[in-house]
PDB file of N, CA and C in Angstrom:
ATOM      1  N   MET A   1     -16.361  33.537 -24.631  1.00  0.00           N
ATOM      2  CA  MET A   1     -15.886  32.364 -23.851  1.00  0.00           C
ATOM      3  C   MET A   1     -14.780  31.343 -24.178  1.00  0.00           C
ATOM      4  N   SER A   2     -14.016  31.272 -23.952  1.00  0.00           N
ATOM      5  CA  SER A   2     -12.929  30.386 -24.568  1.00  0.00           C
ATOM      6  C   SER A   2     -13.209  29.039 -23.904  1.00  0.00           C
ATOM      7  N   ALA A   3     -13.115  28.011 -24.395  1.00  0.00           N
ATOM      8  CA  ALA A   3     -13.272  26.530 -24.201  1.00  0.00           C
ATOM      9  C   ALA A   3     -12.075  26.333 -23.484  1.00  0.00           C
ATOM     10  N   LEU A   4     -12.472  25.227 -22.142  1.00  0.00           N
ATOM     11  CA  LEU A   4     -11.532  25.123 -20.729  1.00  0.00           C
ATOM     12  C   LEU A   4     -10.523  23.707 -21.437  1.00  0.00           C
ATOM     13  N   ILE A   5      -9.298  23.869 -21.595  1.00  0.00           N
ATOM     14  CA  ILE A   5      -8.533  23.021 -22.165  1.00  0.00           C
ATOM     15  C   ILE A   5      -7.973  22.361 -20.993  1.00  0.00           C
ATOM     16  N   PRO A   6      -7.952  21.359 -20.533  1.00  0.00           N
ATOM     17  CA  PRO A   6      -7.092  20.865 -19.224  1.00  0.00           C
ATOM     18  C   PRO A   6      -5.644  21.075 -19.494  1.00  0.00           C
ATOM     19  N   PRO A   7      -4.864  21.115 -18.462  1.00  0.00           N
ATOM     20  CA  PRO A   7      -3.821  21.450 -18.461  1.00  0.00           C
ATOM     21  C   PRO A   7      -2.939  20.196 -18.500  1.00  0.00           C
ATOM     22  N   THR A   8      -1.863  20.113 -19.428  1.00  0.00           N
ATOM     23  CA  THR A   8      -0.810  19.230 -19.885  1.00  0.00           C
ATOM     24  C   THR A   8       0.145  19.139 -18.320  1.00  0.00           C
ATOM     25  N   PRO A   9      -0.005  17.816 -17.625  1.00  0.00           N
ATOM     26  CA  PRO A   9       0.816  17.928 -16.393  1.00  0.00           C
ATOM     27  C   PRO A   9       2.210  18.104 -16.879  1.00  0.00           C
ATOM     28  N   ASP A  10       2.958  18.669 -15.665  1.00  0.00           N
ATOM     29  CA  ASP A  10       4.441  18.483 -16.054  1.00  0.00           C
ATOM     30  C   ASP A  10       5.231  17.139 -15.473  1.00  0.00           C
ATOM     31  N   GLN A  11       6.451  16.892 -16.054  1.00  0.00           N
ATOM     32  CA  GLN A  11       7.224  15.679 -16.171  1.00  0.00           C
ATOM     33  C   GLN A  11       7.116  14.912 -15.091  1.00  0.00           C
ATOM     34  N   ASP A  12       7.066  15.766 -13.970  1.00  0.00           N
ATOM     35  CA  ASP A  12       7.176  15.058 -12.455  1.00  0.00           C
ATOM     36  C   ASP A  12       5.650  14.643 -12.169  1.00  0.00           C
ATOM     37  N   SER A  13       4.567  15.444 -12.389  1.00  0.00           N
ATOM     38  CA  SER A  13       3.339  15.179 -12.161  1.00  0.00           C
ATOM     39  C   SER A  13       2.853  13.850 -13.238  1.00  0.00           C
ATOM     40  N   GLN A  14       3.181  13.974 -14.058  1.00  0.00           N
ATOM     41  CA  GLN A  14       2.758  12.625 -15.131  1.00  0.00           C
ATOM     42  C   GLN A  14       3.464  11.301 -14.628  1.00  0.00           C
ATOM     43  N   SER A  15       4.599  11.541 -14.030  1.00  0.00           N
ATOM     44  CA  SER A  15       5.429  10.473 -13.278  1.00  0.00           C
ATOM     45  C   SER A  15       4.780  10.045 -12.142  1.00  0.00           C
ATOM     46  N   MET A  16       4.157  10.939 -11.355  1.00  0.00           N
ATOM     47  CA  MET A  16       3.462  10.386 -10.585  1.00  0.00           C
ATOM     48  C   MET A  16       2.165   9.980 -10.396  1.00  0.00           C
ATOM     49  N   LEU A  17       1.694  10.519 -11.461  1.00  0.00           N
ATOM     50  CA  LEU A  17       0.192   9.911 -11.887  1.00  0.00           C
ATOM     51  C   LEU A  17       0.381   8.482 -12.789  1.00  0.00           C
ATOM     52  N   ASP A  18       1.628   8.454 -13.452  1.00  0.00           N
ATOM     53  CA  ASP A  18       1.791   7.027 -14.037  1.00  0.00           C
ATOM     54  C   ASP A  18       1.905   5.872 -12.986  1.00  0.00           C
ATOM     55  N   CYS A  19       2.752   6.517 -11.743  1.00  0.00           N
ATOM     56  CA  CYS A  19       2.878   5.601 -10.388  1.00  0.00           C
ATOM     57  C   CYS A  19       1.659   5.012  -9.775  1.00  0.00           C
ATOM     58  N   LEU A  20       0.955   6.047  -9.694  1.00  0.00           N
ATOM     59  CA  LEU A  20      -0.469   5.679  -9.079  1.00  0.00           C
ATOM     60  C   LEU A  20      -1.422   5.127  -9.938  1.00  0.00           C
ATOM     61  N   ARG A  21      -1.543   5.164 -11.196  1.00  0.00           N
ATOM     62  CA  ARG A  21      -2.243   4.318 -11.591  1.00  0.00           C
ATOM     63  C   ARG A  21      -1.688   2.993 -11.884  1.00  0.00           C
ATOM     64  N   GLN A  22      -0.205   2.598 -12.018  1.00  0.00           N
ATOM     65  CA  GLN A  22       0.459   1.115 -11.860  1.00  0.00           C
ATOM     66  C   GLN A  22      -0.080   0.871 -10.442  1.00  0.00           C
ATOM     67  N   THR A  23       0.175   1.315  -9.389  1.00  0.00           N
ATOM     68  CA  THR A  23      -0.211   0.736  -8.123  1.00  0.00           C
ATOM     69  C   THR A  23      -1.532   0.670  -8.060  1.00  0.00           C
ATOM     70  N   VAL A  24      -2.614   1.263  -8.556  1.00  0.00           N
ATOM     71  CA  VAL A  24      -4.241   0.842  -8.461  1.00  0.00           C
ATOM     72  C   VAL A  24      -4.175  -0.510  -9.133  1.00  0.00           C
ATOM     73  N   THR A  25      -3.818  -0.325 -10.039  1.00  0.00           N
ATOM     74  CA  THR A  25      -3.602  -1.655 -11.356  1.00  0.00           C
ATOM     75  C   THR A  25      -3.097  -2.921 -10.626  1.00  0.00           C
ATOM     76  N   MET A  26      -2.163  -2.594 -10.126  1.00  0.00           N
ATOM     77  CA  MET A  26      -1.424  -4.089  -9.365  1.00  0.00           C
ATOM     78  C   MET A  26      -2.307  -4.489  -8.113  1.00  0.00           C
ATOM     79  N   THR A  27      -2.929  -3.578  -7.386  1.00  0.00           N
ATOM     80  CA  THR A  27      -3.590  -3.797  -6.318  1.00  0.00           C
ATOM     81  C   THR A  27      -4.706  -4.303  -6.691  1.00  0.00           C
ATOM     82  N   LEU A  28      -5.653  -4.219  -7.542  1.00  0.00           N
ATOM     83  CA  LEU A  28      -6.994  -4.196  -7.753  1.00  0.00           C
ATOM     84  C   LEU A  28      -6.917  -5.793  -8.477  1.00  0.00           C
ATOM     85  N   GLU A  29      -5.701  -6.221  -9.403  1.00  0.00           N
ATOM     86  CA  GLU A  29      -5.424  -7.783  -9.726  1.00  0.00           C
ATOM     87  C   GLU A  29      -4.889  -8.402  -8.927  1.00  0.00           C
ATOM     88  N   GLY A  30      -4.319  -8.295  -7.577  1.00  0.00           N
ATOM     89  CA  GLY A  30      -3.906  -8.847  -6.676  1.00  0.00           C
ATOM     90  C   GLY A  30      -5.108  -9.264  -5.518  1.00  0.00           C
ATOM     91  N   LYS A  31      -6.247  -8.086  -5.463  1.00  0.00           N
ATOM     92  CA  LYS A  31      -7.496  -8.674  -4.750  1.00  0.00           C
ATOM     93  C   LYS A  31      -8.303  -9.246  -5.775  1.00  0.00           C
ATOM     94  N   ARG A  32      -8.240  -9.108  -7.154  1.00  0.00           N
ATOM     95  CA  ARG A  32      -9.140  -9.868  -7.525  1.00  0.00           C
ATOM     96  C   ARG A  32      -8.281 -11.529  -7.752  1.00  0.00           C
ATOM     97  N   ARG A  33      -7.054 -11.627  -7.782  1.00  0.00           N
ATOM     98  CA  ARG A  33      -6.599 -13.062  -7.861  1.00  0.00           C
ATOM     99  C   ARG A  33      -6.719 -13.813  -6.314  1.00  0.00           C
ATOM    100  N   LEU A  34      -6.832 -12.744  -5.021  1.00  0.00           N
ATOM    101  CA  LEU A  34      -7.394 -13.367  -3.827  1.00  0.00           C
ATOM    102  C   LEU A  34      -8.744 -13.824  -3.583  1.00  0.00           C
ATOM    103  N   GLY A  35      -9.422 -13.132  -4.405  1.00  0.00           N
ATOM    104  CA  GLY A  35     -10.969 -13.403  -4.566  1.00  0.00           C
ATOM    105  C   GLY A  35     -11.416 -12.471  -3.459  1.00  0.00           C
ATOM    106  N   GLN A  36     -10.774 -11.290  -3.422  1.00  0.00           N
ATOM    107  CA  GLN A  36     -11.076  -9.864  -2.307  1.00  0.00           C
ATOM    108  C   GLN A  36     -12.135  -9.006  -2.785  1.00  0.00           C
ATOM    109  N   TYR A  37     -13.111  -8.599  -2.494  1.00  0.00           N
ATOM    110  CA  TYR A  37     -14.063  -7.333  -2.839  1.00  0.00           C
ATOM    111  C   TYR A  37     -13.543  -6.460  -3.068  1.00  0.00           C
ATOM    112  N   VAL A  38     -13.699  -5.448  -3.960  1.00  0.00           N
ATOM    113  CA  VAL A  38     -13.397  -3.798  -3.868  1.00  0.00           C
ATOM    114  C   VAL A  38     -14.513  -2.991  -4.222  1.00  0.00           C
ATOM    115  N   VAL A  39     -14.199  -1.872  -3.354  1.00  0.00           N
ATOM    116  CA  VAL A  39     -15.276  -0.509  -3.550  1.00  0.00           C
ATOM    117  C   VAL A  39     -14.696   0.395  -4.557  1.00  0.00           C
ATOM    118  N   ILE A  40     -15.767   0.384  -5.941  1.00  0.00           N
ATOM    119  CA  ILE A  40     -15.255   1.653  -6.665  1.00  0.00           C
ATOM    120  C   ILE A  40     -15.981   2.436  -6.873  1.00  0.00           C
ATOM    121  N   TRP A  41     -15.705   3.554  -7.548  1.00  0.00           N
ATOM    122  CA  TRP A  41     -16.662   4.329  -7.856  1.00  0.00           C
ATOM    123  C   TRP A  41     -17.362   4.241  -9.298  1.00  0.00           C
ATOM    124  N   LYS A  42     -18.683   4.655  -9.310  1.00  0.00           N
ATOM    125  CA  LYS A  42     -19.085   4.289 -10.746  1.00  0.00           C
ATOM    126  C   LYS A  42     -20.045   5.057 -10.876  1.00  0.00           C
ATOM    127  N   ASN A  43     -20.645   5.923 -11.713  1.00  0.00           N
ATOM    128  CA  ASN A  43     -21.574   6.722 -12.219  1.00  0.00           C
ATOM    129  C   ASN A  43     -22.073   7.614 -11.004  1.00  0.00           C
ATOM    130  N   ASN A  44     -21.221   8.144 -10.109  1.00  0.00           N
ATOM    131  CA  ASN A  44     -20.722   9.147  -8.897  1.00  0.00           C
ATOM    132  C   ASN A  44     -21.559   8.356  -7.744  1.00  0.00           C
ATOM    133  N   MET A  45     -21.254   6.939  -7.454  1.00  0.00           N
ATOM    134  CA  MET A  45     -21.532   6.295  -6.692  1.00  0.00           C
ATOM    135  C   MET A  45     -20.748   5.213  -6.277  1.00  0.00           C
ATOM    136  N   PRO A  46     -20.520   5.141  -4.863  1.00  0.00           N
ATOM    137  CA  PRO A  46     -19.625   3.844  -4.828  1.00  0.00           C
ATOM    138  C   PRO A  46     -20.369   2.491  -4.969  1.00  0.00           C
ATOM    139  N   VAL A  47     -19.754   1.290  -5.454  1.00  0.00           N
ATOM    140  CA  VAL A  47     -20.171  -0.004  -5.964  1.00  0.00           C
ATOM    141  C   VAL A  47     -19.274  -0.761  -5.134  1.00  0.00           C
ATOM    142  N   VAL A  48     -19.643  -2.010  -5.050  1.00  0.00           N
ATOM    143  CA  VAL A  48     -19.182  -2.901  -4.235  1.00  0.00           C
ATOM    144  C   VAL A  48     -19.060  -4.097  -5.259  1.00  0.00           C
ATOM    145  N   VAL A  49     -18.086  -4.321  -5.620  1.00  0.00           N
ATOM    146  CA  VAL A  49     -17.518  -5.830  -6.453  1.00  0.00           C
ATOM    147  C   VAL A  49     -16.932  -6.512  -5.982  1.00  0.00           C
ATOM    148  N   GLY A  50     -17.290  -7.889  -6.241  1.00  0.00           N
ATOM    149  CA  GLY A  50     -16.551  -9.363  -5.721  1.00  0.00           C
ATOM    150  C   GLY A  50     -17.619 -10.265  -5.203  1.00  0.00           C
ATOM    151  N   ASP A  51     -17.385 -11.488  -5.270  1.00  0.00           N
ATOM    152  CA  ASP A  51     -18.309 -12.521  -4.615  1.00  0.00           C
ATOM    153  C   ASP A  51     -18.046 -12.626  -3.216  1.00  0.00           C
ATOM    154  N   ASP A  52     -16.841 -12.173  -2.863  1.00  0.00           N
ATOM    155  CA  ASP A  52     -16.928 -12.001  -1.231  1.00  0.00           C
ATOM    156  C   ASP A  52     -17.150 -10.588  -0.582  1.00  0.00           C
ATOM    157  N   ALA A  53     -18.186  -9.875  -1.113  1.00  0.00           N
ATOM    158  CA  ALA A  53     -18.454  -8.677  -0.597  1.00  0.00           C
ATOM    159  C   ALA A  53     -19.864  -8.889   0.639  1.00  0.00           C
ATOM    160  N   PRO A  54     -19.755  -8.305   1.738  1.00  0.00           N
ATOM    161  CA  PRO A  54     -20.771  -8.259   2.600  1.00  0.00           C
ATOM    162  C   PRO A  54     -21.856  -8.207   2.012  1.00  0.00           C
ATOM    163  N   ILE A  55     -23.125  -9.134   2.106  1.00  0.00           N
ATOM    164  CA  ILE A  55     -23.981  -8.902   1.694  1.00  0.00           C
ATOM    165  C   ILE A  55     -25.271  -7.860   1.930  1.00  0.00           C
ATOM    166  N   GLU A  56     -24.658  -6.723   3.174  1.00  0.00           N
ATOM    167  CA  GLU A  56     -25.542  -5.528   3.377  1.00  0.00           C
ATOM    168  C   GLU A  56     -25.194  -4.727   2.215  1.00  0.00           C
ATOM    169  N   LEU A  57     -23.884  -4.813   1.890  1.00  0.00           N
ATOM    170  CA  LEU A  57     -23.050  -3.746   1.034  1.00  0.00           C
ATOM    171  C   LEU A  57     -23.706  -4.070  -0.511  1.00  0.00           C
ATOM    172  N   LEU A  58     -23.775  -5.454  -0.738  1.00  0.00           N
ATOM    173  CA  LEU A  58     -24.408  -5.732  -1.964  1.00  0.00           C
ATOM    174  C   LEU A  58     -26.122  -5.382  -2.300  1.00  0.00           C
ATOM    175  N   GLU A  59     -26.841  -5.542  -1.125  1.00  0.00           N
ATOM    176  CA  GLU A  59     -27.887  -4.906  -1.166  1.00  0.00           C
ATOM    177  C   GLU A  59     -28.230  -3.611  -1.115  1.00  0.00           C
ATOM    178  N   ALA A  60     -27.325  -2.518  -0.501  1.00  0.00           N
ATOM    179  CA  ALA A  60     -27.419  -1.588  -0.749  1.00  0.00           C
ATOM    180  C   ALA A  60     -26.877  -1.063  -2.346  1.00  0.00           C
ATOM    181  N   ASN A  61     -26.114  -1.888  -2.767  1.00  0.00           N
ATOM    182  CA  ASN A  61     -25.791  -1.658  -4.422  1.00  0.00           C
ATOM    183  C   ASN A  61     -27.029  -1.550  -5.096  1.00  0.00           C
ATOM    184  N   GLN A  62     -28.040  -2.645  -4.869  1.00  0.00           N
ATOM    185  CA  GLN A  62     -29.278  -2.956  -5.378  1.00  0.00           C
ATOM    186  C   GLN A  62     -30.246  -2.291  -5.432  1.00  0.00           C
ATOM    187  N   GLN A  63     -30.347  -1.533  -4.175  1.00  0.00           N
ATOM    188  CA  GLN A  63     -31.207  -0.528  -4.067  1.00  0.00           C
ATOM    189  C   GLN A  63     -31.091   0.886  -4.937  1.00  0.00           C
ATOM    190  N   ARG A  64     -30.305   0.951  -5.179  1.00  0.00           N
ATOM    191  CA  ARG A  64     -29.564   2.408  -5.990  1.00  0.00           C
ATOM    192  C   ARG A  64     -29.988   2.259  -7.346  1.00  0.00           C
TER     193      ARG A  64
END
């Protein structure tokens, strides 16, 4: 059995991936500057991050 090697994306796919990464980075930075919370995926679970996150969501984070 051979080891799985992740495929290298072609030029168009890599450009799209780079664009998506840049957009996400800019969006998260903008939300941080505005003091808005975000929901991210961490350890196979959604996690709420930010000072203005709803209390219900923060409590749900702590229960996990």
